[in-house]
Protein backbone atom coordinates (compact mmCIF):
# COMPACT_ATOMS: atom_id res chain seq x y z
CA MET A 1 -14.75 23.87 110.81
CA GLY A 2 -14.55 23.14 107.04
CA ARG A 3 -10.90 24.33 106.88
CA GLU A 4 -8.07 23.87 109.24
CA GLY A 5 -7.57 26.82 111.60
CA TYR A 6 -5.49 27.91 114.56
CA ILE A 7 -7.24 28.34 117.89
CA VAL A 8 -5.90 31.12 120.04
CA PRO A 9 -6.45 31.26 123.82
CA ALA A 10 -8.75 33.90 125.08
CA ASP A 11 -7.01 37.21 125.37
CA PRO A 12 -8.06 39.05 128.58
CA GLN A 13 -7.58 42.33 126.83
CA ALA A 14 -10.14 41.28 124.12
CA VAL A 15 -12.85 40.50 126.63
CA GLY A 16 -15.75 42.80 126.19
CA LYS A 17 -14.65 44.01 122.81
CA LYS A 18 -16.93 43.84 119.81
CA LYS A 19 -16.54 40.64 117.89
CA THR A 20 -15.12 41.26 114.38
CA ALA A 21 -15.72 39.26 111.25
CA PRO A 22 -13.02 36.69 110.54
CA ARG A 23 -10.67 37.27 107.60
CA SER A 24 -9.08 34.69 105.40
CA TRP A 25 -5.26 34.31 106.01
CA ILE A 26 -2.84 31.70 105.10
CA LEU A 27 0.12 30.80 107.37
CA ILE A 28 3.35 29.53 105.88
CA ASP A 29 5.90 28.16 108.32
CA SER A 30 9.62 27.74 108.07
CA ALA A 31 9.04 24.26 106.50
CA GLY A 32 7.08 25.71 103.59
CA GLN A 33 3.85 24.17 104.83
CA GLY A 34 0.69 26.34 104.32
CA THR A 35 -2.38 26.44 106.65
CA VAL A 36 -5.53 28.43 105.86
CA LEU A 37 -6.83 30.41 108.89
CA ASP A 38 -10.13 32.01 109.44
CA VAL A 39 -9.38 34.28 112.35
CA ASP A 40 -10.31 37.75 113.40
CA LYS A 41 -7.89 40.60 113.99
CA TYR A 42 -7.50 39.93 117.67
CA ALA A 43 -6.24 36.46 117.07
CA VAL A 44 -3.84 37.80 114.60
CA MET A 45 -2.69 40.53 116.95
CA HIS A 46 -2.25 37.93 119.75
CA ARG A 47 -0.17 35.63 117.59
CA VAL A 48 2.31 38.07 116.07
CA ARG A 49 2.21 40.65 118.88
CA ILE A 50 1.46 43.79 116.82
CA HIS A 51 -0.77 46.78 117.58
CA ALA A 52 -4.19 47.31 116.07
CA ARG A 53 -2.87 50.34 114.06
CA ASP A 54 -0.28 48.18 112.44
CA LEU A 55 -2.89 45.60 111.49
CA ARG A 56 -5.22 48.33 110.21
CA ILE A 57 -2.63 49.11 107.48
CA LEU A 58 -3.45 45.66 105.93
CA ASP A 59 -7.17 46.24 105.81
CA PRO A 60 -8.20 46.01 102.18
CA LEU A 61 -11.22 48.36 102.95
CA LEU A 62 -8.89 51.21 103.84
CA SER A 63 -6.52 53.02 101.46
CA TYR A 64 -2.96 53.03 102.84
CA PRO A 65 0.12 53.64 100.74
CA SER A 66 2.73 50.99 100.15
CA THR A 67 4.48 50.40 103.52
CA ILE A 68 7.18 48.11 105.05
CA LEU A 69 7.19 48.51 108.76
CA GLY A 70 9.69 46.76 111.23
CA ARG A 71 8.25 45.99 114.63
CA ASP A 72 9.82 44.12 117.57
CA ARG A 73 8.69 40.66 116.42
CA ALA A 74 7.20 41.10 112.96
CA ILE A 75 7.37 42.93 109.67
CA VAL A 76 4.19 44.52 108.48
CA LEU A 77 4.19 44.57 104.71
CA ASN A 78 1.53 46.36 102.51
CA LEU A 79 2.55 46.39 98.91
CA GLU A 80 -0.21 46.72 96.22
CA HIS A 81 -2.35 43.61 96.54
CA LEU A 82 0.16 41.85 98.81
CA LYS A 83 -0.56 42.23 102.48
CA ALA A 84 1.46 40.17 104.89
CA ILE A 85 2.90 39.88 108.28
CA ILE A 86 6.44 38.34 108.47
CA THR A 87 8.01 36.95 111.62
CA ALA A 88 11.21 35.18 112.17
CA GLU A 89 9.46 31.75 111.76
CA GLU A 90 6.33 32.18 109.66
CA VAL A 91 4.37 34.37 107.14
CA LEU A 92 0.75 35.37 107.47
CA LEU A 93 -0.65 36.38 104.13
CA ARG A 94 -4.03 37.92 103.64
CA ASP A 95 -6.61 36.82 100.93
CA PRO A 96 -4.67 33.72 99.70
CA LEU A 97 -7.39 33.00 97.17
CA ASP A 98 -6.84 36.22 95.22
CA GLU A 99 -5.70 35.44 91.69
CA ASN A 100 -2.59 37.86 92.23
CA VAL A 101 -1.78 36.30 95.65
CA VAL A 102 -1.92 32.60 94.65
CA PRO A 103 1.49 32.69 92.72
CA VAL A 104 3.07 34.41 95.66
CA VAL A 105 1.80 31.76 98.06
CA GLU A 106 3.26 28.98 95.79
CA GLU A 107 6.63 30.74 95.61
CA LEU A 108 6.75 31.26 99.37
CA LYS A 109 6.05 27.50 99.89
CA ARG A 110 8.90 26.66 97.52
CA ARG A 111 11.40 29.31 98.73
CA LEU A 112 10.86 29.00 102.46
CA GLN A 113 11.64 25.26 102.66
CA PRO A 114 14.70 24.58 104.72
CA ALA A 115 17.86 24.67 102.60
CA ASN A 116 20.34 21.84 102.63
CA SER A 117 23.14 23.40 104.54
CA PHE A 118 26.63 22.63 103.11
CA CYS A 119 28.25 23.02 106.56
CA ARG A 120 26.21 20.30 108.17
CA GLY A 121 27.30 17.79 105.59
CA ASN A 122 30.95 18.78 105.70
CA GLU A 123 31.42 19.69 109.43
CA ASN A 124 34.49 17.29 109.71
CA GLU A 125 36.11 18.76 106.59
CA VAL A 126 36.11 22.45 107.58
CA VAL A 127 38.86 23.42 110.08
CA GLY A 128 38.23 26.47 112.33
CA GLY A 129 35.08 27.92 113.69
CA HIS A 130 35.52 31.04 111.58
CA HIS A 131 35.16 29.11 108.43
CA ASP A 132 32.06 27.37 109.75
CA ILE A 133 30.37 30.79 110.38
CA GLU A 134 31.12 32.10 106.88
CA ILE A 135 29.56 28.93 105.28
CA ILE A 136 26.40 29.34 107.50
CA GLU A 137 26.11 33.01 106.44
CA GLU A 138 26.71 32.12 102.92
CA ASP A 139 24.27 29.28 102.50
CA GLU A 140 21.30 30.28 104.62
CA SER A 141 19.71 33.79 104.95
CA PRO A 142 17.41 34.67 107.77
CA PHE A 143 13.87 33.53 107.36
CA GLU A 144 12.39 37.06 107.21
CA PHE A 145 14.88 38.07 104.46
CA ARG A 146 13.83 35.14 102.29
CA ALA A 147 10.13 35.93 102.81
CA LEU A 148 10.74 39.60 102.18
CA GLU A 149 12.68 38.83 98.92
CA VAL A 150 9.84 36.80 97.65
CA ALA A 151 7.32 39.54 98.38
CA LEU A 152 9.54 42.31 96.73
CA GLU A 153 10.22 40.08 93.71
CA ALA A 154 6.45 39.43 93.25
CA ILE A 155 5.53 43.06 93.54
CA CYS A 156 8.29 44.33 91.31
CA SER A 157 7.50 41.71 88.64
CA PHE A 158 3.86 42.50 88.86
CA LEU A 159 4.39 46.20 88.27
CA ALA A 160 6.98 45.49 85.55
CA ALA A 161 4.43 43.27 83.74
CA ARG A 162 1.71 46.03 83.98
CA THR A 163 4.20 48.49 82.61
CA THR A 164 5.08 46.23 79.67
CA GLU A 165 1.38 45.73 78.85
CA LEU A 166 0.89 49.53 78.90
CA GLU A 167 3.75 50.24 76.73
CA THR A 168 2.54 47.53 74.25
CA ALA A 169 -0.83 49.32 74.00
CA ALA A 170 0.38 52.89 74.25
CA TYR A 171 3.08 53.32 71.62
CA PRO A 172 0.98 52.00 68.71
CA ALA A 173 -1.90 54.12 69.81
CA LEU A 174 0.30 57.28 69.87
CA ASP A 175 1.72 56.54 66.50
CA GLU A 176 -1.84 56.02 65.08
CA LEU A 177 -2.86 59.27 66.60
CA THR A 178 0.05 61.03 65.05
CA SER A 179 -0.84 59.84 61.68
CA LYS A 180 -4.56 60.45 61.99
CA ILE A 181 -6.21 62.69 64.47
CA SER A 182 -9.76 61.49 65.29
CA SER A 183 -12.08 61.46 68.20
CA ARG A 184 -11.64 57.67 68.53
CA ASN A 185 -7.90 57.94 68.62
CA LEU A 186 -7.92 60.80 71.05
CA ASP A 187 -10.25 58.93 73.50
CA ARG A 188 -8.00 55.92 73.26
CA VAL A 189 -4.92 57.88 74.20
CA ARG A 190 -6.78 59.68 76.94
CA LYS A 191 -7.68 56.46 78.63
CA LEU A 192 -4.06 55.09 78.20
CA LYS A 193 -2.65 58.32 79.73
CA SER A 194 -5.05 57.91 82.64
CA ALA A 195 -3.89 54.28 83.27
CA MET A 196 -0.33 55.43 82.97
CA THR A 197 -0.77 58.15 85.62
CA ARG A 198 -2.32 55.65 88.08
CA LEU A 199 0.35 53.09 87.37
CA THR A 200 3.12 55.66 87.81
CA ALA A 201 1.72 56.58 91.24
CA ARG A 202 1.63 53.00 92.38
CA VAL A 203 5.16 52.34 91.28
CA GLN A 204 6.50 55.55 92.82
CA LYS A 205 5.02 54.62 96.15
CA VAL A 206 6.87 51.37 96.18
CA ARG A 207 10.03 53.03 95.01
CA ASP A 208 9.81 55.74 97.65
CA GLU A 209 9.29 53.17 100.35
CA LEU A 210 12.42 51.16 99.38
CA GLU A 211 14.40 54.39 99.02
CA GLN A 212 13.31 55.47 102.51
CA LEU A 213 14.32 52.16 103.94
CA LEU A 214 17.81 52.37 102.14
CA ASP A 215 18.36 55.97 103.59
CA ASP A 216 17.73 54.86 107.19
CA ASP A 217 19.90 52.23 108.82
CA ASP A 218 17.62 52.16 111.91
CA ASP A 219 14.66 51.17 109.79
CA MET A 220 16.59 48.37 108.21
CA ASN A 221 17.73 47.26 111.68
CA ASP A 222 14.14 46.94 112.65
CA LEU A 223 13.64 44.30 109.82
CA TYR A 224 16.34 42.13 111.16
CA LEU A 225 14.11 39.87 113.29
CA THR A 226 16.44 37.00 113.68
CA ARG A 227 19.09 39.12 115.19
CA LYS A 228 16.63 40.50 117.67
CA LEU A 229 15.98 36.92 118.81
CA MET A 230 19.67 36.13 118.95
CA VAL A 231 20.57 39.15 121.11
CA SER A 232 17.44 38.78 123.37
CA SER A 233 17.74 37.61 126.91
CA PRO A 234 17.35 33.91 127.71
CA ALA A 235 14.08 34.62 129.39
CA SER A 236 12.52 36.24 126.37
CA ALA A 237 14.01 33.64 124.13
CA SER A 238 12.39 30.86 126.16
CA GLY A 239 9.08 32.69 125.85
CA GLY A 240 9.28 32.40 122.07
CA ALA A 241 7.14 29.26 122.25
CA ASN A 242 4.30 31.52 123.37
CA TRP A 243 4.78 33.83 120.43
CA TYR A 244 4.89 31.04 117.87
CA PRO A 245 2.95 28.02 119.12
CA ALA A 246 2.86 26.52 115.71
CA SER A 247 6.66 26.79 115.07
CA PRO A 248 8.44 23.70 116.65
CA THR A 249 11.87 24.69 115.25
CA ILE A 250 12.16 28.09 116.87
CA GLY A 251 14.24 26.76 119.79
CA SER A 252 16.76 25.06 117.54
CA ARG A 253 17.04 28.08 115.29
CA ILE A 254 17.51 30.41 118.36
CA SER A 255 20.11 28.07 119.76
CA LYS A 256 21.90 27.90 116.41
CA ALA A 257 21.73 31.63 115.90
CA SER A 258 23.01 32.24 119.33
CA ARG A 259 26.05 30.06 118.84
CA ALA A 260 26.76 31.93 115.65
CA THR A 261 26.41 35.25 117.44
CA ALA A 262 28.77 34.22 120.13
CA SER A 263 31.39 33.10 117.50
CA ARG A 264 30.98 36.53 115.68
CA ALA A 265 31.36 38.72 118.78
CA SER A 266 35.07 39.31 118.19
CA VAL A 267 34.51 39.90 114.47
CA ALA A 268 31.76 42.38 114.99
CA THR A 269 34.09 44.80 116.71
CA VAL A 270 36.26 44.85 113.54
CA LYS A 271 33.61 44.93 110.95
CA GLY A 272 31.50 47.63 112.80
CA ASP A 273 27.75 48.22 112.74
CA GLU A 274 27.52 48.85 108.98
CA ASN A 275 27.78 45.18 108.13
CA ASP A 276 24.81 44.39 110.46
CA VAL A 277 22.41 45.52 107.64
CA GLU A 278 24.75 44.88 104.63
CA ASP A 279 22.87 41.83 103.40
CA LEU A 280 19.48 43.57 103.73
CA GLU A 281 20.85 46.66 102.10
CA MET A 282 22.10 44.64 99.15
CA LEU A 283 18.62 42.94 98.91
CA LEU A 284 16.80 46.23 99.00
CA GLU A 285 19.09 47.84 96.55
CA ALA A 286 18.67 45.06 94.03
CA TYR A 287 14.82 45.49 93.99
CA PHE A 288 15.09 49.30 94.29
CA MET A 289 17.08 49.20 91.00
CA GLN A 290 14.38 46.91 89.40
CA ILE A 291 11.45 49.20 90.52
CA ASP A 292 13.46 52.28 89.50
CA GLY A 293 13.91 50.83 86.09
CA THR A 294 10.13 50.28 85.79
CA TYR A 295 9.67 53.87 86.94
CA ASN A 296 12.12 55.12 84.33
CA LYS A 297 10.13 53.27 81.67
CA LEU A 298 6.94 55.02 82.75
CA THR A 299 8.74 58.31 82.74
CA THR A 300 9.90 57.68 79.18
CA LEU A 301 6.35 56.74 78.11
CA ARG A 302 5.04 59.98 79.78
CA GLU A 303 7.67 61.98 77.87
CA TYR A 304 6.57 60.33 74.59
CA ILE A 305 3.03 61.18 75.34
CA ASP A 306 4.01 64.78 76.06
CA ASP A 307 5.82 64.99 72.85
CA THR A 308 2.87 63.54 70.97
CA GLU A 309 0.45 66.03 72.55
CA ASP A 310 2.96 68.83 71.57
CA TYR A 311 2.94 67.58 68.04
CA ILE A 312 -0.80 67.19 67.90
CA ASN A 313 -1.22 70.80 69.29
CA ILE A 314 1.14 72.11 66.57
CA GLN A 315 -0.90 70.37 63.89
CA LEU A 316 -4.16 71.77 65.38
CA ASP A 317 -2.57 75.26 65.42
CA ASN A 318 -1.71 74.90 61.78
CA LYS A 319 -5.23 73.79 60.87
CA ARG A 320 -6.53 76.69 62.83
CA ASN A 321 -4.28 79.17 60.91
CA GLN A 322 -5.45 77.72 57.69
CA LEU A 323 -9.10 78.14 58.74
CA ILE A 324 -8.36 81.75 59.61
CA GLN A 325 -6.81 82.42 56.31
CA LEU A 326 -9.80 80.88 54.57
CA GLU A 327 -12.08 83.08 56.55
CA LEU A 328 -10.04 86.16 55.59
CA PHE A 329 -10.37 85.32 51.95
CA VAL A 330 -14.13 84.69 52.29
CA SER A 331 -14.61 87.90 54.19
CA ALA A 332 -12.70 89.88 51.59
CA GLY A 333 -14.63 88.46 48.74
CA THR A 334 -17.93 89.05 50.62
CA VAL A 335 -17.06 92.79 51.07
CA CYS A 336 -16.22 93.09 47.38
CA LEU A 337 -19.40 91.34 46.25
CA SER A 338 -21.35 93.57 48.66
CA ILE A 339 -20.05 96.72 46.95
CA TYR A 340 -20.84 95.16 43.50
CA SER A 341 -24.33 94.36 44.69
CA LEU A 342 -24.81 97.92 46.06
CA VAL A 343 -23.91 99.41 42.70
CA ALA A 344 -26.26 96.98 40.94
CA GLY A 345 -28.95 97.88 43.31
CA ILE A 346 -28.54 101.62 42.82
CA PHE A 347 -28.72 101.31 39.08
CA GLY A 348 -31.61 98.93 39.27
CA MET A 349 -33.86 101.59 40.78
CA ASN A 350 -36.59 103.11 38.60
CA ILE A 351 -35.25 106.69 38.62
CA PRO A 352 -34.89 108.75 35.49
CA TYR A 353 -31.33 109.92 34.61
CA THR A 354 -30.25 112.40 31.93
CA TRP A 355 -27.59 110.05 30.75
CA ASN A 356 -29.87 106.99 30.63
CA GLU A 357 -30.66 107.22 26.91
CA ASN A 358 -28.21 104.77 25.61
CA HIS A 359 -28.92 101.77 27.93
CA SER A 360 -26.64 99.14 26.33
CA GLU A 361 -23.52 101.28 26.38
CA MET A 362 -24.16 102.48 29.98
CA PHE A 363 -24.73 98.92 31.08
CA ILE A 364 -21.40 97.71 29.83
CA TRP A 365 -19.53 100.49 31.52
CA VAL A 366 -21.18 100.09 34.91
CA VAL A 367 -20.57 96.27 34.88
CA CYS A 368 -16.95 96.53 33.75
CA VAL A 369 -15.89 99.42 35.94
CA THR A 370 -17.57 98.06 39.05
CA GLY A 371 -16.00 94.60 38.46
CA VAL A 372 -12.58 96.05 38.01
CA LEU A 373 -12.87 98.12 41.20
CA CYS A 374 -14.13 95.17 43.24
CA LEU A 375 -11.45 92.98 42.05
CA SER A 376 -8.80 95.57 42.76
CA LEU A 377 -10.12 96.01 46.24
CA PHE A 378 -10.01 92.26 46.80
CA LEU A 379 -6.46 92.08 45.60
CA LEU A 380 -5.53 95.06 47.76
CA ILE A 381 -6.93 93.44 50.91
CA ILE A 382 -5.00 90.20 50.27
CA LYS A 383 -1.75 92.12 49.59
CA TYR A 384 -2.23 94.03 52.83
CA ALA A 385 -2.79 90.83 54.77
CA ARG A 386 0.31 89.22 53.40
CA TYR A 387 2.31 92.44 54.24
CA LYS A 388 1.17 92.16 57.84
CA GLY A 389 1.94 88.40 57.91
CA LEU A 390 -1.69 87.42 58.36
CA VAL A 391 -1.60 84.85 55.48
CA GLY A 392 1.18 82.82 53.97
CA SER A 393 3.03 84.02 50.85
């Protein structure tokens, strides 16, 4: 193979199934080391012990909304372009060569490296087991929480950056449309409004998913993978090597976590179950506030667009009214000229009249009287239109 891969033993359940095309994944372990894997879905399912319906959520060919699912041994995360499976010891990330995923991979490698625990360097200086437990909790968060934080930070920052770009382009375009209504400006604003609608829907999906997690403590408990390992039976804990063959430190972490759990047993009865998800709740609340701020920016932009549309409609209505007034003036003038032409046509006929002896004098009377009558009729129509409020005063 050209790239380093992970060879999975044959799964009896997968025998006879149709072979699927391999997908590109990157595995980042607890030491921050990344390994590129070209494996099919059955190998991934065997490694992280999830169902096919959960893995199908991460299929880029299928359209699934933003989702964060907690399973027995993994977190299935589908947020925008970020599709990952997080366990208590490693992260599997799909399409690592994507331009939007590469920065996330680098950040995971940097943030998932083992932190220098303060308590290990000062074990002799701290008196009392209770103080040791507080330092451990304060200096080192569970692996899955750190990985989840990197993912949420990347997605929230990505959506915030897209929102800022949209604002930078939208506000000047709206101001230009307000000052000059043209087909070019209208088409530009139409495209920006369509982009804003799509971005708002994407932000709202992530926001709703975080809000749903915060509203349900059971869902947050499902994301606490390390605690599931700590409270599991010794038999299942010893089987952890079969779950994570590429994670040599799982035994030491489970042992360390088990000691911490035993020391916290008496404290848990005082603190209650609410503190079990307190750290995760604070983490989710922080990014919920960030994505909610992005959503509020898009809402403000939508309101500005709606206000601009209302202003444009008012301007168009005013122009339409002016055209109607002009049409009224033209129509009234046309009626008066038609009457004048009718009189001229009648007198232009070659018919002998008894009073047609003095041509010049009669011509003047006909022209003047007809002109005065037509002008009076025109002024009467305009006065009537103003009286009814059809034209401005």
